[in-house]
Amino acid sequence: MKSTMVNLWHPIHDVPASFFSKTLAKQLGESLGTFLEYDGANMGKGYQNFLRVRI
């Protein structure tokens, strides 16, 4: 049986902007899988307030 790994961007909503940090992004990503990177460009932008982690 062949095993295949796929990297995914997973959005994480409702993170207060005051709590956002690279460390938090890494911890949340590790809880979902193997953390690769994060994108916090949408943190604190009204209704688009979320961060993405790549796992």
N, C-alpha and C. Protein backbone atom coordinates (compact mmCIF):
# COMPACT_ATOMS: atom_id res chain seq x y z
N MET A 1 0.85 -1.18 0.00
CA MET A 1 0.00 0.00 0.00
C MET A 1 0.89 1.24 0.00
N LYS A 2 0.61 2.19 -0.85
CA LYS A 2 1.39 3.42 -0.97
C LYS A 2 0.79 4.49 -0.06
N SER A 3 1.65 5.16 0.70
CA SER A 3 1.21 6.24 1.59
C SER A 3 1.56 7.58 0.97
N THR A 4 0.62 8.51 0.99
CA THR A 4 0.83 9.83 0.41
C THR A 4 0.57 10.90 1.45
N MET A 5 1.47 11.89 1.51
CA MET A 5 1.31 13.02 2.43
C MET A 5 0.92 14.25 1.62
N VAL A 6 0.00 15.04 2.15
CA VAL A 6 -0.45 16.26 1.49
C VAL A 6 -0.35 17.42 2.48
N ASN A 7 0.27 18.52 2.05
CA ASN A 7 0.33 19.73 2.88
C ASN A 7 -0.95 20.54 2.68
N LEU A 8 -1.55 20.98 3.78
CA LEU A 8 -2.80 21.74 3.72
C LEU A 8 -2.67 23.05 4.49
N TRP A 9 -3.36 24.09 4.01
CA TRP A 9 -3.52 25.32 4.78
C TRP A 9 -4.82 25.18 5.55
N HIS A 10 -4.76 25.30 6.87
CA HIS A 10 -5.94 25.16 7.72
C HIS A 10 -6.22 26.51 8.39
N PRO A 11 -7.43 27.07 8.19
CA PRO A 11 -7.75 28.34 8.86
C PRO A 11 -8.12 28.11 10.33
N ILE A 12 -7.69 29.01 11.19
CA ILE A 12 -8.06 28.97 12.60
C ILE A 12 -8.72 30.30 12.92
N HIS A 13 -10.00 30.25 13.27
CA HIS A 13 -10.81 31.44 13.52
C HIS A 13 -10.89 31.75 15.01
N ASP A 14 -11.32 32.95 15.31
CA ASP A 14 -11.61 33.41 16.68
C ASP A 14 -10.38 33.42 17.59
N VAL A 15 -9.22 33.71 17.04
CA VAL A 15 -8.03 33.91 17.86
C VAL A 15 -7.94 35.41 18.15
N PRO A 16 -8.02 35.81 19.40
CA PRO A 16 -7.90 37.24 19.71
C PRO A 16 -6.54 37.78 19.22
N ALA A 17 -6.56 38.92 18.55
CA ALA A 17 -5.33 39.49 17.99
C ALA A 17 -4.28 39.73 19.06
N SER A 18 -4.71 40.01 20.28
CA SER A 18 -3.75 40.25 21.36
C SER A 18 -3.01 38.97 21.78
N PHE A 19 -3.56 37.80 21.46
CA PHE A 19 -2.92 36.52 21.80
C PHE A 19 -2.09 35.96 20.66
N PHE A 20 -2.20 36.55 19.47
CA PHE A 20 -1.53 35.99 18.30
C PHE A 20 -0.01 36.13 18.40
N SER A 21 0.69 35.04 18.14
CA SER A 21 2.15 35.04 18.07
C SER A 21 2.59 33.85 17.23
N LYS A 22 3.84 33.86 16.83
CA LYS A 22 4.36 32.72 16.06
C LYS A 22 4.32 31.45 16.91
N THR A 23 4.59 31.59 18.21
CA THR A 23 4.57 30.44 19.10
C THR A 23 3.18 29.83 19.17
N LEU A 24 2.14 30.67 19.28
CA LEU A 24 0.77 30.17 19.31
C LEU A 24 0.43 29.48 18.00
N ALA A 25 0.79 30.08 16.87
CA ALA A 25 0.52 29.47 15.56
C ALA A 25 1.16 28.09 15.47
N LYS A 26 2.40 27.99 15.94
CA LYS A 26 3.11 26.71 15.90
C LYS A 26 2.42 25.68 16.81
N GLN A 27 2.02 26.08 18.01
CA GLN A 27 1.35 25.16 18.92
C GLN A 27 0.03 24.67 18.34
N LEU A 28 -0.74 25.57 17.76
CA LEU A 28 -2.02 25.17 17.15
C LEU A 28 -1.78 24.25 15.97
N GLY A 29 -0.78 24.56 15.15
CA GLY A 29 -0.45 23.71 14.00
C GLY A 29 -0.01 22.32 14.42
N GLU A 30 0.83 22.24 15.46
CA GLU A 30 1.29 20.94 15.96
C GLU A 30 0.14 20.11 16.52
N SER A 31 -0.89 20.76 17.05
CA SER A 31 -2.03 20.00 17.57
C SER A 31 -2.86 19.39 16.44
N LEU A 32 -2.70 19.91 15.22
CA LEU A 32 -3.45 19.40 14.06
C LEU A 32 -2.64 18.42 13.22
N GLY A 33 -1.33 18.50 13.29
CA GLY A 33 -0.46 17.66 12.47
C GLY A 33 0.97 18.14 12.60
N THR A 34 1.73 18.03 11.54
CA THR A 34 3.10 18.51 11.53
C THR A 34 3.12 19.95 11.04
N PHE A 35 3.47 20.87 11.91
CA PHE A 35 3.49 22.30 11.58
C PHE A 35 4.58 22.60 10.56
N LEU A 36 4.25 23.35 9.50
CA LEU A 36 5.22 23.74 8.50
C LEU A 36 5.46 25.25 8.48
N GLU A 37 4.39 26.04 8.46
CA GLU A 37 4.49 27.50 8.45
C GLU A 37 3.14 28.10 8.79
N TYR A 38 3.10 29.42 8.94
CA TYR A 38 1.84 30.09 9.23
C TYR A 38 1.73 31.37 8.41
N ASP A 39 0.50 31.87 8.30
CA ASP A 39 0.22 33.12 7.62
C ASP A 39 -0.76 33.89 8.50
N GLY A 40 -0.31 34.99 9.08
CA GLY A 40 -1.16 35.79 9.96
C GLY A 40 -1.57 37.10 9.33
N ALA A 41 -1.57 37.18 8.00
CA ALA A 41 -1.88 38.43 7.30
C ALA A 41 -3.30 38.92 7.55
N ASN A 42 -4.23 38.04 7.89
CA ASN A 42 -5.62 38.43 8.09
C ASN A 42 -5.99 38.64 9.55
N MET A 43 -5.02 38.56 10.45
CA MET A 43 -5.31 38.76 11.87
C MET A 43 -5.69 40.21 12.13
N GLY A 44 -6.80 40.41 12.82
CA GLY A 44 -7.23 41.75 13.20
C GLY A 44 -7.88 42.54 12.09
N LYS A 45 -8.38 41.88 11.05
CA LYS A 45 -9.00 42.57 9.92
C LYS A 45 -10.51 42.33 9.87
N GLY A 46 -11.18 42.71 10.95
CA GLY A 46 -12.65 42.65 10.98
C GLY A 46 -13.20 41.26 10.81
N TYR A 47 -14.10 41.08 9.86
CA TYR A 47 -14.76 39.80 9.67
C TYR A 47 -13.84 38.74 9.07
N GLN A 48 -12.67 39.13 8.59
CA GLN A 48 -11.70 38.17 8.05
C GLN A 48 -10.66 37.78 9.10
N ASN A 49 -10.95 37.94 10.37
CA ASN A 49 -9.99 37.72 11.44
C ASN A 49 -9.71 36.23 11.63
N PHE A 50 -8.63 35.75 11.01
CA PHE A 50 -8.20 34.37 11.19
C PHE A 50 -6.73 34.24 10.83
N LEU A 51 -6.13 33.15 11.25
CA LEU A 51 -4.78 32.86 10.82
C LEU A 51 -4.80 31.50 10.14
N ARG A 52 -3.82 31.27 9.30
CA ARG A 52 -3.72 29.98 8.59
C ARG A 52 -2.43 29.31 9.02
N VAL A 53 -2.52 28.00 9.22
CA VAL A 53 -1.32 27.21 9.48
C VAL A 53 -1.22 26.15 8.39
N ARG A 54 0.00 25.91 7.98
CA ARG A 54 0.23 24.87 6.98
C ARG A 54 0.70 23.64 7.71
N ILE A 55 -0.02 22.54 7.50
CA ILE A 55 0.28 21.30 8.20
C ILE A 55 0.46 20.18 7.19
